[in-house]
């Protein structure tokens, strides 16, 4: 299992040229050798994906999908890493590399748990699919979104999906994702008149823009003060991610300035309510316009704690003397494409390391990989038998 993860991490699946085919070849060989059914699928975008299946005895039961994405974010700061990010180096009980947490480590643990179930020659009632998708880090629009719209998807009869979550940073509990936020990413443009910078009363579009951006900062600080009463993922997050002006000289007031803002809204707010919030913040700025660069009509539908799906996973965690802790993910994942179609989804990354998704020296522990696989096996045995 350690070697499997090392080989997976060594395959560079970061943009702009993710090597999906090598990943699929790696998993496909293992899956065929282990006696699983394998289906390689080419999506309309040209991105490939893989479905590894263990058939159950009851085709009437909705199947379970173990979902993880193959792509990772780049690691451009190579000189800051302790070990090369695509080496899968093992040191002092830790496995280092881009994707170990997000989410190649999860994919290997899912596969190992499924293999363990098969090796015990236990005949499950529920069919289980291990699904490996592309494009999640860029929004999933050319990955899972295309997959759920593909003709083959309905034939899989998926009723439940176990997707990615987040490590817990605790050896006493594991996090279970029951909800997540949705992005609204916008570009705001402040327009004015070009003028000489010596004019005291010149209308300065940069000043107008920075005044508005100060409101964004104030709003975000107010949300931060609510942490303690609410989880961060239940609150609204706004971050200015870029700022620019069309200016070629230091003594010229430009005619236009722009900024981009990444906004994350919790599931309790509709997209219309999120957009109405933006409009309300801008209502006093008649010279500022905005455009939505990215969002998603697919929204995560929270799973209830009384669901048998949730209860079974929580019990599998309890069986290992750990506390299952439901949480709301601050970011956005492929899970929304499944819940949008009425499928129950839980996010679960069964690792206890400090979360460092997308960070320098991303790693998991060998102990996490072993324990996480065992917990996933216990869940599969309970839920699918």
Protein backbone atom coordinates (compact mmCIF):
# COMPACT_ATOMS: atom_id res chain seq x y z
CA UNK A 1 0.00 0.00 0.00
CA UNK A 2 2.86 2.41 0.79
CA UNK A 3 4.56 1.58 -2.50
CA UNK A 4 1.25 1.98 -4.32
CA UNK A 5 0.80 5.49 -2.92
CA UNK A 6 4.42 6.37 -3.69
CA UNK A 7 3.98 5.35 -7.31
CA UNK A 8 0.72 7.33 -7.49
CA UNK A 9 2.33 10.48 -6.05
CA UNK A 10 5.24 10.15 -8.50
CA UNK A 11 2.83 10.61 -11.40
CA UNK A 12 2.52 14.34 -11.98
CA UNK A 13 -1.17 15.12 -12.37
CA UNK A 14 -0.84 18.87 -11.80
CA UNK A 15 -2.03 21.37 -14.37
CA UNK A 16 -1.44 22.39 -17.08
CA UNK A 17 -0.53 18.86 -18.24
CA UNK A 18 -1.93 16.27 -15.82
CA UNK A 19 -0.78 12.75 -16.66
CA UNK A 20 -4.08 10.95 -16.14
CA UNK A 21 -3.27 8.03 -18.42
CA UNK A 22 -0.36 6.85 -16.26
CA UNK A 23 -2.61 6.91 -13.19
CA UNK A 24 -5.31 4.94 -14.96
CA UNK A 25 -2.74 2.40 -16.18
CA UNK A 26 -1.45 2.00 -12.60
CA UNK A 27 -4.89 1.39 -11.06
CA UNK A 28 -6.13 -0.64 -14.02
CA UNK A 29 -3.27 -3.14 -13.70
CA UNK A 30 -3.85 -3.55 -9.97
CA UNK A 31 -7.61 -3.86 -10.41
CA UNK A 32 -7.39 -6.50 -13.16
CA UNK A 33 -4.79 -8.47 -11.19
CA UNK A 34 -7.09 -8.36 -8.15
CA UNK A 35 -10.11 -9.59 -10.13
CA UNK A 36 -12.21 -6.42 -10.29
CA UNK A 37 -14.30 -5.26 -13.22
CA UNK A 38 -12.74 -2.24 -14.91
CA UNK A 39 -14.31 0.39 -17.14
CA UNK A 40 -12.20 3.17 -18.64
CA UNK A 41 -14.28 6.11 -19.81
CA UNK A 42 -13.40 9.04 -22.07
CA UNK A 43 -15.42 12.14 -21.24
CA UNK A 44 -16.60 14.65 -23.88
CA UNK A 45 -13.79 17.03 -22.83
CA UNK A 46 -11.23 14.34 -23.71
CA UNK A 47 -10.40 13.72 -20.05
CA UNK A 48 -10.25 10.04 -19.06
CA UNK A 49 -11.57 8.43 -15.88
CA UNK A 50 -11.70 4.94 -14.42
CA UNK A 51 -14.42 2.90 -12.70
CA UNK A 52 -13.38 -0.18 -10.72
CA UNK A 53 -16.35 -2.34 -9.70
CA UNK A 54 -17.08 -5.13 -7.25
CA UNK A 55 -20.53 -6.47 -8.05
CA UNK A 56 -23.01 -7.16 -5.28
CA UNK A 57 -25.67 -9.84 -5.25
CA UNK A 58 -28.66 -7.47 -5.10
CA UNK A 59 -28.94 -5.25 -8.17
CA UNK A 60 -32.03 -3.59 -6.69
CA UNK A 61 -29.98 -1.99 -3.93
CA UNK A 62 -28.51 1.40 -4.86
CA UNK A 63 -24.75 1.05 -5.29
CA UNK A 64 -22.05 2.82 -3.30
CA UNK A 65 -19.38 4.89 -5.04
CA UNK A 66 -15.97 5.62 -3.53
CA UNK A 67 -15.00 8.81 -5.33
CA UNK A 68 -11.65 10.59 -5.50
CA UNK A 69 -10.00 12.93 -7.99
CA UNK A 70 -6.71 12.23 -9.73
CA UNK A 71 -5.64 15.83 -10.36
CA UNK A 72 -3.59 17.90 -7.92
CA UNK A 73 -2.56 21.54 -7.68
CA UNK A 74 0.93 22.52 -8.87
CA UNK A 75 3.93 22.64 -6.53
CA UNK A 76 5.91 25.51 -8.01
CA UNK A 77 7.95 26.32 -4.90
CA UNK A 78 10.26 23.31 -5.20
CA UNK A 79 13.05 24.88 -3.17
CA UNK A 80 10.74 25.19 -0.15
CA UNK A 81 9.85 21.48 -0.01
CA UNK A 82 11.76 19.16 2.29
CA UNK A 83 11.55 16.45 -0.40
CA UNK A 84 10.60 16.72 -4.09
CA UNK A 85 6.80 17.04 -4.24
CA UNK A 86 6.38 14.26 -6.81
CA UNK A 87 8.75 11.76 -5.20
CA UNK A 88 6.54 10.10 -2.57
CA UNK A 89 9.48 10.11 -0.15
CA UNK A 90 9.02 8.23 3.15
CA UNK A 91 10.75 9.73 6.16
CA UNK A 92 10.18 9.13 9.88
CA UNK A 93 6.87 7.38 9.30
CA UNK A 94 5.50 10.08 6.98
CA UNK A 95 4.80 9.92 3.25
CA UNK A 96 5.52 13.26 1.57
CA UNK A 97 4.21 14.47 -1.75
CA UNK A 98 1.68 16.59 -3.59
CA UNK A 99 -1.71 14.90 -3.32
CA UNK A 100 -1.03 12.73 -0.27
CA UNK A 101 -3.87 14.57 1.48
CA UNK A 102 -5.78 15.85 -1.54
CA UNK A 103 -6.54 13.27 -2.48
CA UNK A 104 -4.29 10.46 -3.71
CA UNK A 105 -3.84 9.09 -0.20
CA UNK A 106 -7.61 8.76 0.07
CA UNK A 107 -7.81 7.00 -3.31
CA UNK A 108 -5.24 4.40 -2.26
CA UNK A 109 -6.98 3.83 1.10
CA UNK A 110 -10.32 3.39 -0.68
CA UNK A 111 -8.83 0.88 -3.10
CA UNK A 112 -7.03 -1.03 -0.34
CA UNK A 113 -10.25 -1.27 1.70
CA UNK A 114 -12.17 -2.57 -1.32
CA UNK A 115 -9.41 -5.10 -2.03
CA UNK A 116 -9.48 -6.25 1.60
CA UNK A 117 -13.22 -6.87 1.31
CA UNK A 118 -12.73 -8.89 -1.87
CA UNK A 119 -9.83 -10.92 -0.48
CA UNK A 120 -12.00 -12.08 2.41
CA UNK A 121 -14.35 -13.52 -0.21
CA UNK A 122 -17.34 -11.82 1.34
CA UNK A 123 -20.33 -11.62 -0.96
CA UNK A 124 -21.73 -8.14 -0.58
CA UNK A 125 -25.32 -7.36 -1.42
CA UNK A 126 -24.54 -3.82 -2.53
CA UNK A 127 -22.37 -3.15 -5.60
CA UNK A 128 -19.36 -0.93 -4.91
CA UNK A 129 -17.68 1.30 -7.50
CA UNK A 130 -14.30 2.94 -7.03
CA UNK A 131 -14.46 6.05 -9.22
CA UNK A 132 -11.41 8.08 -10.24
CA UNK A 133 -12.25 11.44 -11.80
CA UNK A 134 -10.25 14.29 -13.38
CA UNK A 135 -10.51 18.08 -13.21
CA UNK A 136 -11.73 18.59 -9.61
CA UNK A 137 -9.12 21.22 -8.82
CA UNK A 138 -10.42 23.35 -11.70
CA UNK A 139 -14.06 23.01 -10.67
CA UNK A 140 -14.96 19.54 -11.97
CA UNK A 141 -16.83 20.95 -14.98
CA UNK A 142 -14.75 18.74 -17.32
CA UNK A 143 -14.72 15.84 -14.89
CA UNK A 144 -17.53 14.79 -12.56
CA UNK A 145 -20.07 17.14 -14.14
CA UNK A 146 -19.56 15.43 -17.50
CA UNK A 147 -19.55 12.02 -15.83
CA UNK A 148 -22.99 12.41 -14.17
CA UNK A 149 -24.38 13.53 -17.55
CA UNK A 150 -22.83 10.57 -19.40
CA UNK A 151 -25.19 7.75 -20.54
CA UNK A 152 -23.24 5.16 -18.53
CA UNK A 153 -23.84 6.97 -15.23
CA UNK A 154 -27.48 5.97 -14.76
CA UNK A 155 -26.60 2.30 -15.38
CA UNK A 156 -24.35 2.35 -12.29
CA UNK A 157 -27.41 2.85 -10.04
CA UNK A 158 -25.43 4.99 -7.57
CA UNK A 159 -27.36 5.94 -4.46
CA UNK A 160 -24.49 6.86 -2.15
CA UNK A 161 -21.08 8.48 -2.65
CA UNK A 162 -18.20 8.58 -0.21
CA UNK A 163 -16.09 11.52 -1.37
CA UNK A 164 -13.18 13.54 0.00
CA UNK A 165 -13.25 15.31 3.35
CA UNK A 166 -10.40 16.72 5.41
CA UNK A 167 -7.84 15.36 7.93
CA UNK A 168 -8.75 16.03 11.55
CA UNK A 169 -5.46 17.24 13.12
CA UNK A 170 -6.36 15.04 16.07
CA UNK A 171 -5.59 11.47 17.14
CA UNK A 172 -8.90 11.38 19.00
CA UNK A 173 -11.41 12.23 16.28
CA UNK A 174 -12.08 12.05 12.55
CA UNK A 175 -14.02 14.59 10.51
CA UNK A 176 -17.11 13.67 8.51
CA UNK A 177 -18.14 16.24 5.91
CA UNK A 178 -21.90 16.78 5.96
CA UNK A 179 -22.04 20.08 4.06
CA UNK A 180 -19.88 22.48 2.02
CA UNK A 181 -19.90 25.98 0.57
CA UNK A 182 -20.36 27.22 -3.00
CA UNK A 183 -18.12 29.75 -4.78
CA UNK A 184 -19.17 32.97 -6.47
CA UNK A 185 -16.03 34.40 -8.04
CA UNK A 186 -16.39 37.90 -9.44
CA UNK A 187 -14.42 40.65 -11.16
CA UNK A 188 -15.32 44.21 -10.15
CA UNK A 189 -14.48 47.13 -12.45
CA UNK A 190 -14.28 50.72 -11.29
CA UNK A 191 -14.52 53.24 -14.14
CA UNK A 192 -13.67 56.95 -14.24
CA UNK A 193 -11.84 59.58 -16.29
CA UNK A 194 -8.14 59.62 -16.96
CA UNK A 195 -6.59 62.73 -15.40
CA UNK A 196 -3.38 64.30 -14.21
CA UNK A 197 -2.51 63.13 -10.71
CA UNK A 198 -1.86 66.71 -9.57
CA UNK A 199 -5.59 67.56 -9.66
CA UNK A 200 -6.86 67.70 -6.10
CA UNK A 201 -10.49 67.06 -6.96
CA UNK A 202 -9.99 64.53 -9.74
CA UNK A 203 -12.40 61.60 -9.71
CA UNK A 204 -10.14 58.65 -9.00
CA UNK A 205 -11.50 55.22 -9.93
CA UNK A 206 -8.77 53.54 -7.85
CA UNK A 207 -9.91 55.41 -4.74
CA UNK A 208 -13.50 54.37 -5.36
CA UNK A 209 -12.47 50.76 -5.84
CA UNK A 210 -10.30 50.63 -2.73
CA UNK A 211 -13.13 52.18 -0.70
CA UNK A 212 -15.40 49.35 -1.84
CA UNK A 213 -12.72 46.74 -1.19
CA UNK A 214 -12.43 48.08 2.37
CA UNK A 215 -16.09 47.11 2.80
CA UNK A 216 -15.23 43.58 1.67
CA UNK A 217 -12.44 43.40 4.27
CA UNK A 218 -14.78 44.71 6.98
CA UNK A 219 -17.45 42.19 6.04
CA UNK A 220 -14.97 39.33 6.17
CA UNK A 221 -13.65 40.43 9.56
CA UNK A 222 -17.21 40.50 10.92
CA UNK A 223 -17.73 36.91 9.72
CA UNK A 224 -14.47 35.85 11.38
CA UNK A 225 -15.77 37.14 14.73
CA UNK A 226 -18.69 34.71 14.48
CA UNK A 227 -16.39 31.67 14.61
CA UNK A 228 -17.12 29.98 17.89
CA UNK A 229 -20.84 30.41 17.44
CA UNK A 230 -20.61 28.79 14.01
CA UNK A 231 -18.21 26.59 12.08
CA UNK A 232 -16.17 28.53 9.47
CA UNK A 233 -17.89 26.57 6.70
CA UNK A 234 -21.28 27.85 7.88
CA UNK A 235 -20.23 31.47 7.37
CA UNK A 236 -19.71 33.67 4.30
CA UNK A 237 -16.13 34.16 3.18
CA UNK A 238 -14.89 36.99 0.94
CA UNK A 239 -11.28 37.37 -0.18
CA UNK A 240 -9.76 39.87 -2.60
CA UNK A 241 -7.51 37.81 -4.85
CA UNK A 242 -6.13 40.38 -7.32
CA UNK A 243 -5.97 44.14 -7.90
CA UNK A 244 -4.91 46.00 -11.05
CA UNK A 245 -5.24 49.30 -12.90
CA UNK A 246 -4.65 50.36 -16.50
CA UNK A 247 -1.83 52.80 -15.86
CA UNK A 248 1.44 53.46 -17.66
CA UNK A 249 2.69 56.45 -15.70
CA UNK A 250 3.05 57.37 -12.04
CA UNK A 251 1.50 60.83 -12.51
CA UNK A 252 -1.63 59.66 -14.31
CA UNK A 253 -4.94 58.71 -12.70
CA UNK A 254 -6.17 55.72 -14.72
CA UNK A 255 -9.61 55.44 -16.24
CA UNK A 256 -10.21 51.93 -14.96
CA UNK A 257 -9.24 49.66 -12.08
CA UNK A 258 -10.22 46.06 -11.40
CA UNK A 259 -10.17 43.49 -8.64
CA UNK A 260 -11.22 39.87 -8.33
CA UNK A 261 -13.01 38.55 -5.26
CA UNK A 262 -13.54 34.93 -4.25
CA UNK A 263 -16.80 34.60 -2.32
CA UNK A 264 -17.94 31.38 -0.63
CA UNK A 265 -21.55 31.03 0.49
CA UNK A 266 -22.92 28.31 2.80
CA UNK A 267 -25.73 26.02 1.70
CA UNK A 268 -28.31 27.97 3.76
CA UNK A 269 -28.03 30.77 1.17
CA UNK A 270 -29.32 30.37 -2.37
CA UNK A 271 -27.26 31.64 -5.28
CA UNK A 272 -29.78 34.44 -5.74
CA UNK A 273 -29.28 35.44 -2.09
CA UNK A 274 -25.52 35.39 -2.57
CA UNK A 275 -25.80 37.66 -5.60
CA UNK A 276 -28.21 39.94 -3.72
CA UNK A 277 -25.56 40.31 -1.01
CA UNK A 278 -23.01 41.45 -3.62
CA UNK A 279 -25.55 43.92 -5.02
CA UNK A 280 -26.23 45.35 -1.55
CA UNK A 281 -22.53 45.91 -0.90
CA UNK A 282 -22.23 47.72 -4.24
CA UNK A 283 -25.39 49.80 -4.08
CA UNK A 284 -23.57 53.03 -3.16
CA UNK A 285 -20.94 52.65 -5.90
CA UNK A 286 -22.56 53.73 -9.15
CA UNK A 287 -19.28 53.68 -11.10
CA UNK A 288 -18.47 50.08 -10.19
CA UNK A 289 -19.79 47.12 -12.15
CA UNK A 290 -19.12 43.41 -11.72
CA UNK A 291 -19.26 40.16 -13.63
CA UNK A 292 -19.47 36.63 -12.31
CA UNK A 293 -16.45 34.67 -13.53
CA UNK A 294 -17.33 31.33 -11.96
CA UNK A 295 -20.01 29.74 -9.82
CA UNK A 296 -22.08 26.56 -9.85
CA UNK A 297 -25.79 25.94 -10.04
CA UNK A 298 -25.10 22.51 -8.52
CA UNK A 299 -25.26 22.87 -4.75
CA UNK A 300 -24.29 20.45 -2.00
CA UNK A 301 -27.33 19.09 -0.18
CA UNK A 302 -26.45 18.48 3.49
CA UNK A 303 -26.77 14.94 4.78
CA UNK A 304 -28.72 14.34 7.96
CA UNK A 305 -27.18 12.63 10.99
CA UNK A 306 -30.10 10.18 11.16
CA UNK A 307 -29.26 8.83 7.69
CA UNK A 308 -28.24 5.16 7.79
CA UNK A 309 -25.34 6.15 5.53
CA UNK A 310 -24.03 8.63 8.10
CA UNK A 311 -24.78 6.38 11.08
CA UNK A 312 -22.89 3.44 9.57
CA UNK A 313 -19.79 5.51 8.84
CA UNK A 314 -19.90 7.16 12.27
CA UNK A 315 -20.10 3.74 13.92
CA UNK A 316 -17.10 2.52 11.94
CA UNK A 317 -15.13 5.44 13.38
CA UNK A 318 -16.41 4.72 16.91
CA UNK A 319 -15.36 1.08 16.54
CA UNK A 320 -11.75 2.31 16.54
CA UNK A 321 -12.21 4.40 19.69
CA UNK A 322 -12.30 7.62 17.70
CA UNK A 323 -14.97 10.32 17.78
CA UNK A 324 -16.80 11.09 14.53
CA UNK A 325 -17.15 14.86 14.19
CA UNK A 326 -19.52 16.29 11.56
CA UNK A 327 -18.18 19.41 9.89
CA UNK A 328 -18.95 21.87 7.10
CA UNK A 329 -16.19 22.08 4.51
CA UNK A 330 -15.10 25.64 3.73
CA UNK A 331 -14.26 24.89 0.09
CA UNK A 332 -16.13 23.19 -2.76
CA UNK A 333 -15.74 19.66 -4.19
CA UNK A 334 -17.16 17.31 -6.80
CA UNK A 335 -19.71 16.17 -4.22
CA UNK A 336 -22.17 18.83 -5.37
CA UNK A 337 -22.59 17.19 -8.79
CA UNK A 338 -23.80 14.01 -7.09
CA UNK A 339 -26.10 15.59 -4.50
CA UNK A 340 -27.63 17.73 -7.26
CA UNK A 341 -28.94 14.46 -8.69
CA UNK A 342 -30.48 13.35 -5.38
CA UNK A 343 -27.59 11.10 -4.33
CA UNK A 344 -26.52 11.06 -0.67
CA UNK A 345 -22.88 12.17 -0.27
CA UNK A 346 -20.52 12.16 2.68
CA UNK A 347 -16.98 13.51 2.62
CA UNK A 348 -14.50 11.42 4.58
CA UNK A 349 -10.70 11.56 4.58
CA UNK A 350 -9.76 9.19 7.43
CA UNK A 351 -6.44 10.83 8.36
CA UNK A 352 -5.42 12.54 11.61
CA UNK A 353 -2.54 14.74 10.37
CA UNK A 354 -2.78 18.52 10.39
CA UNK A 355 -4.63 19.60 7.23
CA UNK A 356 -2.19 20.90 4.62
CA UNK A 357 -4.16 20.58 1.42
CA UNK A 358 -2.29 22.40 -1.38
CA UNK A 359 0.50 23.27 1.05
CA UNK A 360 4.28 22.88 1.14
CA UNK A 361 5.49 19.49 2.46
CA UNK A 362 2.01 17.97 2.15
CA UNK A 363 2.09 14.54 3.79
CA UNK A 364 0.22 11.80 5.62
CA UNK A 365 1.51 9.19 8.06
CA UNK A 366 1.86 5.49 7.39
CA UNK A 367 -0.23 4.94 10.52
CA UNK A 368 -3.00 7.09 9.01
CA UNK A 369 -2.93 5.10 5.79
CA UNK A 370 -3.22 1.79 7.66
CA UNK A 371 -5.87 2.96 10.11
CA UNK A 372 -7.84 4.80 7.44
CA UNK A 373 -7.94 1.69 5.25
CA UNK A 374 -9.18 -0.43 8.15
CA UNK A 375 -11.92 2.04 9.06
CA UNK A 376 -13.04 2.22 5.44
CA UNK A 377 -13.09 -1.58 5.28
CA UNK A 378 -15.24 -1.73 8.42
CA UNK A 379 -17.66 0.75 6.90
CA UNK A 380 -17.85 -1.15 3.58
CA UNK A 381 -18.47 -4.41 5.40
CA UNK A 382 -21.27 -2.93 7.50
CA UNK A 383 -22.95 -0.86 4.78
CA UNK A 384 -22.75 -3.23 1.84
CA UNK A 385 -23.21 -6.68 3.34
